[in-house]
Amino acid sequence: MIDPFSLVIGGALVGGGWLAGRFGSRRPKPAATSSPAVCGCGHDLALHDRAAGNCHAETFRKTGVGIKAWAPCSCRRYTGPTPLEEFFAPTPLPPTQ
């Protein structure tokens, strides 16, 4: 048979869980721990030329009174952290010979 006392306790537990989830405080999501390798200009390593070193990104700059335009990044060399693969082996492509 159905025990009414167990049904009341089960219903109270379900209702209490619903109320705690609905009106309880929510914790913010943890921030990502890994950050990309960023140069001093604020751009990623992927936007820098490995051979020449200059940055291929464009920034939105103010060029005059109320005038804004896209301008090339003035960074001439990547100054961020060195990637791990350059410590262990040279880059295989493109071939130098």
PDB file of N, CA and C in Angstrom:
ATOM      1  N   MET A   1       0.823  -1.188   0.000  1.00  0.00           N
ATOM      2  CA  MET A   1       0.000   0.000   0.000  1.00  0.00           C
ATOM      3  C   MET A   1       0.864   1.248   0.000  1.00  0.00           C
ATOM      4  N   ILE A   2       0.206   2.350  -0.216  1.00  0.00           N
ATOM      5  CA  ILE A   2       0.891   3.625  -0.268  1.00  0.00           C
ATOM      6  C   ILE A   2       0.879   4.225   1.133  1.00  0.00           C
ATOM      7  N   ASP A   3       2.049   4.582   1.587  1.00  0.00           N
ATOM      8  CA  ASP A   3       2.193   5.176   2.911  1.00  0.00           C
ATOM      9  C   ASP A   3       2.051   6.696   2.782  1.00  0.00           C
ATOM     10  N   PRO A   4       1.022   7.323   3.337  1.00  0.00           N
ATOM     11  CA  PRO A   4       0.832   8.769   3.173  1.00  0.00           C
ATOM     12  C   PRO A   4       1.926   9.593   3.859  1.00  0.00           C
ATOM     13  N   PHE A   5       2.486   9.070   4.925  1.00  0.00           N
ATOM     14  CA  PHE A   5       3.549   9.798   5.621  1.00  0.00           C
ATOM     15  C   PHE A   5       4.780   9.923   4.732  1.00  0.00           C
ATOM     16  N   SER A   6       5.175   8.866   4.006  1.00  0.00           N
ATOM     17  CA  SER A   6       6.317   8.906   3.102  1.00  0.00           C
ATOM     18  C   SER A   6       6.052   9.832   1.917  1.00  0.00           C
ATOM     19  N   LEU A   7       4.802   9.858   1.441  1.00  0.00           N
ATOM     20  CA  LEU A   7       4.469  10.756   0.340  1.00  0.00           C
ATOM     21  C   LEU A   7       4.583  12.220   0.761  1.00  0.00           C
ATOM     22  N   VAL A   8       4.176  12.542   1.964  1.00  0.00           N
ATOM     23  CA  VAL A   8       4.270  13.924   2.451  1.00  0.00           C
ATOM     24  C   VAL A   8       5.731  14.321   2.622  1.00  0.00           C
ATOM     25  N   ILE A   9       6.550  13.452   3.171  1.00  0.00           N
ATOM     26  CA  ILE A   9       7.977  13.749   3.363  1.00  0.00           C
ATOM     27  C   ILE A   9       8.673  13.896   2.003  1.00  0.00           C
ATOM     28  N   GLY A  10       8.364  13.005   1.064  1.00  0.00           N
ATOM     29  CA  GLY A  10       8.950  13.105  -0.270  1.00  0.00           C
ATOM     30  C   GLY A  10       8.548  14.385  -0.981  1.00  0.00           C
ATOM     31  N   GLY A  11       7.287  14.754  -0.871  1.00  0.00           N
ATOM     32  CA  GLY A  11       6.815  16.009  -1.473  1.00  0.00           C
ATOM     33  C   GLY A  11       7.475  17.227  -0.850  1.00  0.00           C
ATOM     34  N   ALA A  12       7.670  17.171   0.476  1.00  0.00           N
ATOM     35  CA  ALA A  12       8.334  18.284   1.160  1.00  0.00           C
ATOM     36  C   ALA A  12       9.789  18.396   0.718  1.00  0.00           C
ATOM     37  N   LEU A  13      10.452  17.273   0.527  1.00  0.00           N
ATOM     38  CA  LEU A  13      11.842  17.306   0.066  1.00  0.00           C
ATOM     39  C   LEU A  13      11.946  17.860  -1.360  1.00  0.00           C
ATOM     40  N   VAL A  14      11.033  17.443  -2.221  1.00  0.00           N
ATOM     41  CA  VAL A  14      11.043  17.946  -3.595  1.00  0.00           C
ATOM     42  C   VAL A  14      10.745  19.441  -3.613  1.00  0.00           C
ATOM     43  N   GLY A  15       9.747  19.873  -2.854  1.00  0.00           N
ATOM     44  CA  GLY A  15       9.405  21.296  -2.803  1.00  0.00           C
ATOM     45  C   GLY A  15      10.517  22.130  -2.191  1.00  0.00           C
ATOM     46  N   GLY A  16      11.135  21.623  -1.140  1.00  0.00           N
ATOM     47  CA  GLY A  16      12.250  22.344  -0.514  1.00  0.00           C
ATOM     48  C   GLY A  16      13.444  22.461  -1.450  1.00  0.00           C
ATOM     49  N   GLY A  17      13.735  21.405  -2.208  1.00  0.00           N
ATOM     50  CA  GLY A  17      14.816  21.467  -3.186  1.00  0.00           C
ATOM     51  C   GLY A  17      14.528  22.448  -4.300  1.00  0.00           C
ATOM     52  N   TRP A  18      13.272  22.470  -4.739  1.00  0.00           N
ATOM     53  CA  TRP A  18      12.890  23.409  -5.787  1.00  0.00           C
ATOM     54  C   TRP A  18      13.018  24.844  -5.299  1.00  0.00           C
ATOM     55  N   LEU A  19      12.546  25.121  -4.066  1.00  0.00           N
ATOM     56  CA  LEU A  19      12.645  26.473  -3.510  1.00  0.00           C
ATOM     57  C   LEU A  19      14.095  26.893  -3.295  1.00  0.00           C
ATOM     58  N   ALA A  20      14.927  25.963  -2.836  1.00  0.00           N
ATOM     59  CA  ALA A  20      16.342  26.294  -2.619  1.00  0.00           C
ATOM     60  C   ALA A  20      17.031  26.596  -3.945  1.00  0.00           C
ATOM     61  N   GLY A  21      16.701  25.863  -4.993  1.00  0.00           N
ATOM     62  CA  GLY A  21      17.295  26.129  -6.295  1.00  0.00           C
ATOM     63  C   GLY A  21      16.768  27.380  -6.945  1.00  0.00           C
ATOM     64  N   ARG A  22      15.511  27.676  -6.715  1.00  0.00           N
ATOM     65  CA  ARG A  22      14.883  28.831  -7.346  1.00  0.00           C
ATOM     66  C   ARG A  22      15.295  30.138  -6.688  1.00  0.00           C
ATOM     67  N   PHE A  23      15.326  30.181  -5.377  1.00  0.00           N
ATOM     68  CA  PHE A  23      15.571  31.428  -4.665  1.00  0.00           C
ATOM     69  C   PHE A  23      16.922  31.473  -3.951  1.00  0.00           C
ATOM     70  N   GLY A  24      17.698  30.435  -4.031  1.00  0.00           N
ATOM     71  CA  GLY A  24      19.005  30.415  -3.383  1.00  0.00           C
ATOM     72  C   GLY A  24      20.013  31.250  -4.152  1.00  0.00           C
ATOM     73  N   SER A  25      21.136  31.553  -3.517  1.00  0.00           N
ATOM     74  CA  SER A  25      22.169  32.342  -4.184  1.00  0.00           C
ATOM     75  C   SER A  25      22.913  31.463  -5.184  1.00  0.00           C
ATOM     76  N   ARG A  26      23.243  32.056  -6.311  1.00  0.00           N
ATOM     77  CA  ARG A  26      23.960  31.326  -7.346  1.00  0.00           C
ATOM     78  C   ARG A  26      25.411  31.765  -7.333  1.00  0.00           C
ATOM     79  N   ARG A  27      26.297  30.804  -7.501  1.00  0.00           N
ATOM     80  CA  ARG A  27      27.722  31.094  -7.533  1.00  0.00           C
ATOM     81  C   ARG A  27      28.120  31.433  -8.968  1.00  0.00           C
ATOM     82  N   PRO A  28      28.992  32.418  -9.135  1.00  0.00           N
ATOM     83  CA  PRO A  28      29.439  32.734 -10.489  1.00  0.00           C
ATOM     84  C   PRO A  28      30.339  31.621 -11.029  1.00  0.00           C
ATOM     85  N   LYS A  29      30.355  31.481 -12.334  1.00  0.00           N
ATOM     86  CA  LYS A  29      31.192  30.466 -12.961  1.00  0.00           C
ATOM     87  C   LYS A  29      32.651  30.844 -12.771  1.00  0.00           C
ATOM     88  N   PRO A  30      33.520  29.862 -12.546  1.00  0.00           N
ATOM     89  CA  PRO A  30      34.941  30.187 -12.390  1.00  0.00           C
ATOM     90  C   PRO A  30      35.522  30.673 -13.708  1.00  0.00           C
ATOM     91  N   ALA A  31      36.441  31.615 -13.608  1.00  0.00           N
ATOM     92  CA  ALA A  31      37.071  32.177 -14.806  1.00  0.00           C
ATOM     93  C   ALA A  31      38.023  31.158 -15.410  1.00  0.00           C
ATOM     94  N   ALA A  32      38.259  31.302 -16.692  1.00  0.00           N
ATOM     95  CA  ALA A  32      39.182  30.405 -17.380  1.00  0.00           C
ATOM     96  C   ALA A  32      40.590  30.629 -16.835  1.00  0.00           C
ATOM     97  N   THR A  33      41.296  29.553 -16.552  1.00  0.00           N
ATOM     98  CA  THR A  33      42.621  29.668 -15.952  1.00  0.00           C
ATOM     99  C   THR A  33      43.706  29.901 -16.985  1.00  0.00           C
ATOM    100  N   SER A  34      43.505  29.436 -18.205  1.00  0.00           N
ATOM    101  CA  SER A  34      44.543  29.618 -19.205  1.00  0.00           C
ATOM    102  C   SER A  34      44.276  30.883 -20.005  1.00  0.00           C
ATOM    103  N   SER A  35      45.315  31.654 -20.231  1.00  0.00           N
ATOM    104  CA  SER A  35      45.185  32.866 -21.029  1.00  0.00           C
ATOM    105  C   SER A  35      46.051  32.703 -22.276  1.00  0.00           C
ATOM    106  N   PRO A  36      45.616  33.254 -23.385  1.00  0.00           N
ATOM    107  CA  PRO A  36      46.405  33.110 -24.603  1.00  0.00           C
ATOM    108  C   PRO A  36      47.693  33.920 -24.524  1.00  0.00           C
ATOM    109  N   ALA A  37      48.664  33.537 -25.326  1.00  0.00           N
ATOM    110  CA  ALA A  37      49.924  34.274 -25.390  1.00  0.00           C
ATOM    111  C   ALA A  37      49.662  35.601 -26.097  1.00  0.00           C
ATOM    112  N   VAL A  38      49.795  36.690 -25.373  1.00  0.00           N
ATOM    113  CA  VAL A  38      49.471  38.004 -25.913  1.00  0.00           C
ATOM    114  C   VAL A  38      50.725  38.863 -25.906  1.00  0.00           C
ATOM    115  N   CYS A  39      50.929  39.577 -26.990  1.00  0.00           N
ATOM    116  CA  CYS A  39      52.062  40.488 -27.140  1.00  0.00           C
ATOM    117  C   CYS A  39      51.795  41.777 -26.359  1.00  0.00           C
ATOM    118  N   GLY A  40      52.755  42.638 -26.296  1.00  0.00           N
ATOM    119  CA  GLY A  40      52.593  43.926 -25.639  1.00  0.00           C
ATOM    120  C   GLY A  40      51.589  44.821 -26.339  1.00  0.00           C
ATOM    121  N   CYS A  41      51.369  44.581 -27.640  1.00  0.00           N
ATOM    122  CA  CYS A  41      50.386  45.386 -28.373  1.00  0.00           C
ATOM    123  C   CYS A  41      48.965  44.895 -28.116  1.00  0.00           C
ATOM    124  N   GLY A  42      48.815  43.742 -27.456  1.00  0.00           N
ATOM    125  CA  GLY A  42      47.491  43.218 -27.136  1.00  0.00           C
ATOM    126  C   GLY A  42      46.985  42.196 -28.121  1.00  0.00           C
ATOM    127  N   HIS A  43      47.784  41.832 -29.113  1.00  0.00           N
ATOM    128  CA  HIS A  43      47.366  40.860 -30.114  1.00  0.00           C
ATOM    129  C   HIS A  43      48.032  39.511 -29.866  1.00  0.00           C
ATOM    130  N   ASP A  44      47.396  38.475 -30.386  1.00  0.00           N
ATOM    131  CA  ASP A  44      47.841  37.096 -30.215  1.00  0.00           C
ATOM    132  C   ASP A  44      49.071  36.810 -31.075  1.00  0.00           C
ATOM    133  N   LEU A  45      49.761  35.720 -30.746  1.00  0.00           N
ATOM    134  CA  LEU A  45      50.930  35.290 -31.520  1.00  0.00           C
ATOM    135  C   LEU A  45      50.555  34.954 -32.952  1.00  0.00           C
ATOM    136  N   ALA A  46      49.325  34.493 -33.182  1.00  0.00           N
ATOM    137  CA  ALA A  46      48.900  34.109 -34.523  1.00  0.00           C
ATOM    138  C   ALA A  46      48.848  35.298 -35.472  1.00  0.00           C
ATOM    139  N   LEU A  47      48.743  36.503 -34.972  1.00  0.00           N
ATOM    140  CA  LEU A  47      48.671  37.686 -35.824  1.00  0.00           C
ATOM    141  C   LEU A  47      50.039  38.264 -36.154  1.00  0.00           C
ATOM    142  N   HIS A  48      51.106  37.689 -35.618  1.00  0.00           N
ATOM    143  CA  HIS A  48      52.457  38.174 -35.876  1.00  0.00           C
ATOM    144  C   HIS A  48      53.147  37.259 -36.887  1.00  0.00           C
ATOM    145  N   ASP A  49      53.889  37.861 -37.794  1.00  0.00           N
ATOM    146  CA  ASP A  49      54.654  37.107 -38.776  1.00  0.00           C
ATOM    147  C   ASP A  49      55.879  36.530 -38.085  1.00  0.00           C
ATOM    148  N   ARG A  50      56.104  35.221 -38.245  1.00  0.00           N
ATOM    149  CA  ARG A  50      57.238  34.582 -37.560  1.00  0.00           C
ATOM    150  C   ARG A  50      58.577  35.018 -38.131  1.00  0.00           C
ATOM    151  N   ALA A  51      58.649  35.214 -39.436  1.00  0.00           N
ATOM    152  CA  ALA A  51      59.928  35.567 -40.057  1.00  0.00           C
ATOM    153  C   ALA A  51      60.246  37.053 -39.879  1.00  0.00           C
ATOM    154  N   ALA A  52      59.330  37.909 -40.282  1.00  0.00           N
ATOM    155  CA  ALA A  52      59.593  39.352 -40.212  1.00  0.00           C
ATOM    156  C   ALA A  52      59.328  39.913 -38.824  1.00  0.00           C
ATOM    157  N   GLY A  53      58.343  39.368 -38.104  1.00  0.00           N
ATOM    158  CA  GLY A  53      58.042  39.802 -36.754  1.00  0.00           C
ATOM    159  C   GLY A  53      56.966  40.855 -36.636  1.00  0.00           C
ATOM    160  N   ASN A  54      56.560  41.462 -37.752  1.00  0.00           N
ATOM    161  CA  ASN A  54      55.560  42.530 -37.653  1.00  0.00           C
ATOM    162  C   ASN A  54      54.162  41.970 -37.435  1.00  0.00           C
ATOM    163  N   CYS A  55      53.285  42.822 -36.921  1.00  0.00           N
ATOM    164  CA  CYS A  55      51.919  42.436 -36.581  1.00  0.00           C
ATOM    165  C   CYS A  55      50.999  42.731 -37.762  1.00  0.00           C
ATOM    166  N   HIS A  56      50.116  41.781 -38.088  1.00  0.00           N
ATOM    167  CA  HIS A  56      49.195  41.941 -39.209  1.00  0.00           C
ATOM    168  C   HIS A  56      47.820  42.435 -38.776  1.00  0.00           C
ATOM    169  N   ALA A  57      47.623  42.694 -37.519  1.00  0.00           N
ATOM    170  CA  ALA A  57      46.306  43.115 -37.021  1.00  0.00           C
ATOM    171  C   ALA A  57      46.076  44.592 -37.320  1.00  0.00           C
ATOM    172  N   GLU A  58      44.802  44.972 -37.285  1.00  0.00           N
ATOM    173  CA  GLU A  58      44.429  46.366 -37.458  1.00  0.00           C
ATOM    174  C   GLU A  58      43.673  46.832 -36.219  1.00  0.00           C
ATOM    175  N   THR A  59      43.846  48.100 -35.880  1.00  0.00           N
ATOM    176  CA  THR A  59      43.172  48.675 -34.726  1.00  0.00           C
ATOM    177  C   THR A  59      42.313  49.857 -35.178  1.00  0.00           C
ATOM    178  N   PHE A  60      41.271  50.133 -34.438  1.00  0.00           N
ATOM    179  CA  PHE A  60      40.360  51.236 -34.737  1.00  0.00           C
ATOM    180  C   PHE A  60      40.881  52.463 -34.007  1.00  0.00           C
ATOM    181  N   ARG A  61      41.463  53.421 -34.735  1.00  0.00           N
ATOM    182  CA  ARG A  61      42.106  54.572 -34.115  1.00  0.00           C
ATOM    183  C   ARG A  61      41.434  55.872 -34.511  1.00  0.00           C
ATOM    184  N   LYS A  62      41.605  56.850 -33.659  1.00  0.00           N
ATOM    185  CA  LYS A  62      41.098  58.190 -33.943  1.00  0.00           C
ATOM    186  C   LYS A  62      42.162  58.915 -34.766  1.00  0.00           C
ATOM    187  N   THR A  63      41.795  59.370 -35.968  1.00  0.00           N
ATOM    188  CA  THR A  63      42.755  60.020 -36.854  1.00  0.00           C
ATOM    189  C   THR A  63      42.589  61.525 -36.905  1.00  0.00           C
ATOM    190  N   GLY A  64      41.499  62.028 -36.445  1.00  0.00           N
ATOM    191  CA  GLY A  64      41.270  63.465 -36.457  1.00  0.00           C
ATOM    192  C   GLY A  64      40.117  63.806 -35.534  1.00  0.00           C
ATOM    193  N   VAL A  65      39.582  64.981 -35.675  1.00  0.00           N
ATOM    194  CA  VAL A  65      38.471  65.410 -34.838  1.00  0.00           C
ATOM    195  C   VAL A  65      37.212  64.660 -35.269  1.00  0.00           C
ATOM    196  N   GLY A  66      36.806  63.693 -34.476  1.00  0.00           N
ATOM    197  CA  GLY A  66      35.606  62.929 -34.769  1.00  0.00           C
ATOM    198  C   GLY A  66      35.762  61.920 -35.883  1.00  0.00           C
ATOM    199  N   ILE A  67      36.964  61.733 -36.387  1.00  0.00           N
ATOM    200  CA  ILE A  67      37.194  60.795 -37.490  1.00  0.00           C
ATOM    201  C   ILE A  67      37.929  59.583 -36.933  1.00  0.00           C
ATOM    202  N   LYS A  68      37.394  58.405 -37.227  1.00  0.00           N
ATOM    203  CA  LYS A  68      38.030  57.165 -36.797  1.00  0.00           C
ATOM    204  C   LYS A  68      38.189  56.258 -38.011  1.00  0.00           C
ATOM    205  N   ALA A  69      39.279  55.520 -38.045  1.00  0.00           N
ATOM    206  CA  ALA A  69      39.537  54.638 -39.180  1.00  0.00           C
ATOM    207  C   ALA A  69      40.368  53.455 -38.712  1.00  0.00           C
ATOM    208  N   TRP A  70      40.368  52.410 -39.527  1.00  0.00           N
ATOM    209  CA  TRP A  70      41.195  51.249 -39.248  1.00  0.00           C
ATOM    210  C   TRP A  70      42.624  51.573 -39.648  1.00  0.00           C
ATOM    211  N   ALA A  71      43.562  51.276 -38.762  1.00  0.00           N
ATOM    212  CA  ALA A  71      44.986  51.527 -39.022  1.00  0.00           C
ATOM    213  C   ALA A  71      45.768  50.269 -38.681  1.00  0.00           C
ATOM    214  N   PRO A  72      46.860  50.001 -39.396  1.00  0.00           N
ATOM    215  CA  PRO A  72      47.662  48.822 -39.066  1.00  0.00           C
ATOM    216  C   PRO A  72      48.311  48.971 -37.693  1.00  0.00           C
ATOM    217  N   CYS A  73      48.519  47.845 -37.032  1.00  0.00           N
ATOM    218  CA  CYS A  73      49.147  47.845 -35.709  1.00  0.00           C
ATOM    219  C   CYS A  73      50.603  48.281 -35.855  1.00  0.00           C
ATOM    220  N   SER A  74      51.084  49.062 -34.928  1.00  0.00           N
ATOM    221  CA  SER A  74      52.447  49.591 -35.009  1.00  0.00           C
ATOM    222  C   SER A  74      53.485  48.653 -34.398  1.00  0.00           C
ATOM    223  N   CYS A  75      53.080  47.481 -33.947  1.00  0.00           N
ATOM    224  CA  CYS A  75      54.003  46.521 -33.347  1.00  0.00           C
ATOM    225  C   CYS A  75      54.927  45.955 -34.425  1.00  0.00           C
ATOM    226  N   ARG A  76      56.219  45.935 -34.177  1.00  0.00           N
ATOM    227  CA  ARG A  76      57.182  45.446 -35.160  1.00  0.00           C
ATOM    228  C   ARG A  76      57.821  44.117 -34.773  1.00  0.00           C
ATOM    229  N   ARG A  77      57.561  43.641 -33.561  1.00  0.00           N
ATOM    230  CA  ARG A  77      58.156  42.387 -33.108  1.00  0.00           C
ATOM    231  C   ARG A  77      57.314  41.813 -31.987  1.00  0.00           C
ATOM    232  N   TYR A  78      57.103  40.488 -31.988  1.00  0.00           N
ATOM    233  CA  TYR A  78      56.335  39.826 -30.938  1.00  0.00           C
ATOM    234  C   TYR A  78      57.157  39.821 -29.656  1.00  0.00           C
ATOM    235  N   THR A  79      56.583  40.335 -28.572  1.00  0.00           N
ATOM    236  CA  THR A  79      57.307  40.425 -27.302  1.00  0.00           C
ATOM    237  C   THR A  79      56.664  39.588 -26.206  1.00  0.00           C
ATOM    238  N   GLY A  80      55.700  38.754 -26.555  1.00  0.00           N
ATOM    239  CA  GLY A  80      55.007  37.940 -25.563  1.00  0.00           C
ATOM    240  C   GLY A  80      55.801  36.711 -25.174  1.00  0.00           C
ATOM    241  N   PRO A  81      55.198  35.803 -24.426  1.00  0.00           N
ATOM    242  CA  PRO A  81      55.892  34.590 -23.998  1.00  0.00           C
ATOM    243  C   PRO A  81      56.204  33.674 -25.179  1.00  0.00           C
ATOM    244  N   THR A  82      57.319  32.971 -25.079  1.00  0.00           N
ATOM    245  CA  THR A  82      57.737  32.059 -26.141  1.00  0.00           C
ATOM    246  C   THR A  82      56.918  30.781 -26.070  1.00  0.00           C
ATOM    247  N   PRO A  83      56.359  30.331 -27.201  1.00  0.00           N
ATOM    248  CA  PRO A  83      55.582  29.089 -27.198  1.00  0.00           C
ATOM    249  C   PRO A  83      56.446  27.881 -26.842  1.00  0.00           C
ATOM    250  N   LEU A  84      55.838  26.867 -26.239  1.00  0.00           N
ATOM    251  CA  LEU A  84      56.585  25.687 -25.801  1.00  0.00           C
ATOM    252  C   LEU A  84      57.208  24.911 -26.952  1.00  0.00           C
ATOM    253  N   GLU A  85      56.533  24.873 -28.104  1.00  0.00           N
ATOM    254  CA  GLU A  85      57.078  24.072 -29.195  1.00  0.00           C
ATOM    255  C   GLU A  85      58.393  24.633 -29.720  1.00  0.00           C
ATOM    256  N   GLU A  86      58.669  25.914 -29.514  1.00  0.00           N
ATOM    257  CA  GLU A  86      59.948  26.463 -29.944  1.00  0.00           C
ATOM    258  C   GLU A  86      61.079  26.072 -29.002  1.00  0.00           C
ATOM    259  N   PHE A  87      60.771  25.678 -27.776  1.00  0.00           N
ATOM    260  CA  PHE A  87      61.796  25.200 -26.858  1.00  0.00           C
ATOM    261  C   PHE A  87      62.275  23.808 -27.235  1.00  0.00           C
ATOM    262  N   PHE A  88      61.352  22.966 -27.713  1.00  0.00           N
ATOM    263  CA  PHE A  88      61.677  21.564 -27.940  1.00  0.00           C
ATOM    264  C   PHE A  88      62.136  21.255 -29.347  1.00  0.00           C
ATOM    265  N   ALA A  89      61.574  21.886 -30.338  1.00  0.00           N
ATOM    266  CA  ALA A  89      61.925  21.580 -31.730  1.00  0.00           C
ATOM    267  C   ALA A  89      61.686  22.817 -32.585  1.00  0.00           C
ATOM    268  N   PRO A  90      62.494  22.980 -33.642  1.00  0.00           N
ATOM    269  CA  PRO A  90      62.228  24.096 -34.544  1.00  0.00           C
ATOM    270  C   PRO A  90      60.964  23.809 -35.368  1.00  0.00           C
ATOM    271  N   THR A  91      60.390  24.852 -35.890  1.00  0.00           N
ATOM    272  CA  THR A  91      59.181  24.666 -36.706  1.00  0.00           C
ATOM    273  C   THR A  91      59.540  23.955 -38.006  1.00  0.00           C
ATOM    274  N   PRO A  92      58.813  22.876 -38.374  1.00  0.00           N
ATOM    275  CA  PRO A  92      59.177  22.097 -39.556  1.00  0.00           C
ATOM    276  C   PRO A  92      58.779  22.737 -40.875  1.00  0.00           C
ATOM    277  N   LEU A  93      57.796  23.632 -40.853  1.00  0.00           N
ATOM    278  CA  LEU A  93      57.339  24.233 -42.106  1.00  0.00           C
ATOM    279  C   LEU A  93      57.425  25.732 -42.027  1.00  0.00           C
ATOM    280  N   PRO A  94      57.677  26.410 -43.031  1.00  0.00           N
ATOM    281  CA  PRO A  94      58.057  25.985 -44.371  1.00  0.00           C
ATOM    282  C   PRO A  94      59.538  25.617 -44.403  1.00  0.00           C
ATOM    283  N   PRO A  95      59.943  24.778 -45.343  1.00  0.00           N
ATOM    284  CA  PRO A  95      61.342  24.369 -45.400  1.00  0.00           C
ATOM    285  C   PRO A  95      62.237  25.544 -45.796  1.00  0.00           C
ATOM    286  N   THR A  96      63.409  25.597 -45.225  1.00  0.00           N
ATOM    287  CA  THR A  96      64.343  26.712 -45.502  1.00  0.00           C
ATOM    288  C   THR A  96      65.283  26.389 -46.648  1.00  0.00           C
ATOM    289  N   GLN A  97      65.332  25.151 -47.115  1.00  0.00           N
ATOM    290  CA  GLN A  97      66.268  24.771 -48.183  1.00  0.00           C
ATOM    291  C   GLN A  97      65.555  24.512 -49.472  1.00  0.00           C
TER     292      GLN A  97
END
